[in-house]
Protein backbone atom coordinates (compact mmCIF):
# COMPACT_ATOMS: atom_id res chain seq x y z
CA MET A 1 -1.39 -1.93 -18.28
CA ILE A 2 -3.78 -1.35 -15.18
CA HIS A 3 -6.72 -3.25 -15.75
CA THR A 4 -10.42 -1.90 -14.33
CA VAL A 5 -11.71 -4.16 -11.61
CA ARG A 6 -15.41 -4.57 -11.14
CA SER A 7 -16.84 -3.50 -7.77
CA GLY A 8 -20.42 -4.24 -7.66
CA ALA A 9 -21.91 -2.68 -10.29
CA GLN A 10 -19.71 0.31 -10.80
CA ALA A 11 -16.45 -0.27 -12.51
CA GLU A 12 -13.39 1.57 -11.01
CA PRO A 13 -10.92 2.72 -13.89
CA ASP A 14 -7.85 3.72 -11.63
CA ASP A 15 -8.21 0.37 -9.94
CA ILE A 16 -5.36 -2.56 -10.40
CA HIS A 17 -6.46 -6.00 -9.67
CA VAL A 18 -4.26 -7.00 -6.51
CA LEU A 19 -2.25 -9.92 -7.74
CA GLU A 20 -0.91 -7.66 -10.30
CA PHE A 21 0.01 -4.84 -7.73
CA ALA A 22 1.27 -7.44 -5.40
CA ARG A 23 3.57 -8.40 -8.36
CA LEU A 24 4.52 -4.99 -8.89
CA LEU A 25 5.50 -4.67 -5.28
CA GLU A 26 7.50 -7.44 -5.14
CA THR A 27 9.92 -5.57 -7.71
CA LEU A 28 10.33 -2.38 -4.79
CA GLU A 29 13.41 -2.39 -2.68
CA PRO A 30 12.43 -3.96 0.74
CA HIS A 31 13.92 -1.15 3.00
CA LEU A 32 13.82 2.62 1.99
CA PRO A 33 14.70 5.47 3.84
CA ILE A 34 11.79 7.76 4.89
CA SER A 35 9.57 4.72 5.49
CA ASP A 36 12.29 2.78 7.74
CA ALA A 37 12.68 5.72 9.56
CA PHE A 38 9.11 6.08 10.22
CA GLU A 39 8.77 2.48 11.43
CA LYS A 40 11.59 2.88 13.60
CA ASP A 41 10.17 5.67 15.40
CA VAL A 42 6.37 4.55 15.38
CA PRO A 43 6.50 0.59 15.28
CA GLN A 44 3.77 -1.52 15.08
CA ARG A 45 3.04 -3.09 18.53
CA GLN A 46 2.02 -6.10 17.83
CA GLY A 47 1.64 -8.89 15.34
CA THR A 48 4.55 -8.26 13.08
CA TRP A 49 6.29 -11.21 11.18
CA TRP A 50 7.93 -9.64 8.44
CA SER A 51 11.23 -8.64 7.50
CA SER A 52 10.29 -5.61 5.37
CA GLN A 53 7.19 -4.06 4.20
CA ARG A 54 7.59 -5.57 0.85
CA GLU A 55 7.37 -8.88 2.37
CA HIS A 56 4.40 -7.25 4.42
CA MET A 57 2.73 -5.77 1.45
CA VAL A 58 3.21 -8.60 -1.08
CA HIS A 59 1.55 -11.17 1.37
CA TRP A 60 -1.21 -8.54 2.02
CA PHE A 61 -2.29 -7.74 -1.17
CA THR A 62 -1.70 -11.43 -2.60
CA ALA A 63 -4.33 -12.98 0.22
CA GLN A 64 -6.67 -10.53 -0.43
CA ALA A 65 -7.73 -12.64 -3.46
CA SER A 66 -8.40 -15.40 -1.29
CA LEU A 67 -11.31 -15.67 1.40
CA GLY A 68 -8.11 -15.37 3.97
CA SER A 69 -7.69 -16.82 7.32
CA GLY A 70 -7.86 -16.80 11.07
CA ALA A 71 -9.15 -13.12 11.93
CA TYR A 72 -8.87 -11.85 8.34
CA THR A 73 -11.52 -14.14 7.05
CA ARG A 74 -13.83 -12.48 4.69
CA SER A 75 -16.79 -13.68 2.95
CA GLN A 76 -15.73 -12.66 -0.41
CA PRO A 77 -12.32 -12.23 -2.12
CA ASN A 78 -10.85 -8.82 -2.66
CA PHE A 79 -9.42 -8.44 -6.41
CA SER A 80 -9.00 -4.27 -5.95
CA ALA A 81 -5.76 -2.91 -5.03
CA ARG A 82 -7.56 0.21 -4.21
CA THR A 83 -9.65 -1.03 -2.03
CA THR A 84 -7.12 -2.93 -0.35
CA TYR A 85 -4.76 0.25 -0.13
CA ASN A 86 -8.11 2.16 1.28
CA ARG A 87 -8.60 -0.06 4.15
CA LEU A 88 -5.10 -0.48 5.01
CA LEU A 89 -4.32 0.20 8.45
CA ALA A 90 -0.52 0.06 8.64
CA PRO A 91 0.87 3.91 8.14
CA ALA A 92 4.37 2.49 7.52
CA ALA A 93 3.08 0.31 4.85
CA LEU A 94 1.27 3.17 2.89
CA LEU A 95 4.64 5.22 3.34
CA TRP A 96 6.52 2.31 1.98
CA ILE A 97 4.26 1.86 -0.93
CA ALA A 98 4.55 5.54 -2.04
CA GLU A 99 8.08 5.70 -1.34
CA GLY A 100 8.59 2.41 -3.33
CA LEU A 101 6.35 3.60 -6.14
CA GLY A 102 8.87 6.94 -6.69
CA GLU A 103 6.49 9.42 -4.96
CA ASP A 104 8.01 12.73 -4.42
CA ALA A 105 10.16 12.37 -1.23
CA GLU A 106 9.29 15.40 0.22
CA LEU A 107 5.71 14.49 0.10
CA VAL A 108 6.27 11.30 1.54
CA ARG A 109 8.43 12.76 4.13
CA SER A 110 5.64 15.38 4.97
CA ALA A 111 3.26 12.35 5.31
CA ALA A 112 5.16 10.73 7.69
CA ASP A 113 6.11 13.80 9.66
CA ARG A 114 2.22 14.35 10.44
CA ALA A 115 1.77 10.88 10.97
CA ARG A 116 4.36 10.71 13.51
CA THR A 117 3.23 13.40 15.71
CA GLU A 118 -0.66 12.16 15.82
CA LEU A 119 -0.70 10.50 19.06
CA ASN A 120 -3.87 8.52 18.29
CA ALA A 121 -2.82 5.44 16.37
CA ARG A 122 -6.17 5.04 14.42
CA ARG A 123 -5.78 8.06 12.98
CA ARG A 124 -2.54 7.65 11.50
CA PRO A 125 -3.23 5.58 8.29
CA GLY A 126 -6.05 8.41 7.05
CA LEU A 127 -3.52 10.80 7.61
CA VAL A 128 -1.18 9.45 5.61
CA ARG A 129 -3.68 9.09 2.78
CA SER A 130 -4.35 12.54 3.12
CA PHE A 131 -1.05 13.33 1.41
CA LEU A 132 -0.94 9.87 -0.34
CA PRO A 133 -4.34 8.95 -1.54
CA TRP A 134 -4.74 6.22 -4.14
CA ALA A 135 -5.27 8.68 -6.82
CA ARG A 136 -1.64 9.77 -6.45
CA ILE A 137 -0.61 5.88 -6.06
CA ALA A 138 -2.34 4.53 -9.27
CA PRO A 139 -0.53 6.82 -12.08
CA LEU A 140 2.80 5.62 -10.02
CA ALA A 141 1.97 2.21 -10.31
CA HIS A 142 0.99 2.51 -14.13
CA GLU A 143 4.21 4.21 -14.84
CA LEU A 144 6.43 1.88 -12.94
CA ARG A 145 4.68 -1.16 -14.86
CA HIS A 146 5.13 0.97 -17.92
CA THR A 147 8.83 1.43 -17.72
CA SER A 148 9.58 -2.29 -16.48
CA HIS A 149 7.65 -3.70 -19.65
CA SER A 150 9.55 -1.25 -22.02
CA ARG A 151 12.82 -2.57 -20.89
């Protein structure tokens, strides 16, 4: 079930608690063809410590529910998967999330192809999200949670 997360005074009905989303991401395959190919072609230049985008994203979404540490310290925990997704600056991770949740492969491939041609690395996450916005991710997450609970 997708839980509404309060963001200030406004309720976000399509949001998911970050810890619930992290648990869902943990069930996905660690390596997927489209996102792995993108990551090989357009690797993150620094700070890579993970063995897969699954490891990276489970850690990232889980850490949002804390005050963070080091360069990622925040004054308030963030419990919103929607906010976390929309702030994520790792295009390979965005592609992996969509691909892992079962988004249409041609759409994920189109997003990867477009981001791959963008020379400005800071624009790539926004380009990926223009193809794969949270409004597409949330229903996929909901459906996957529903089908995994039905088993």
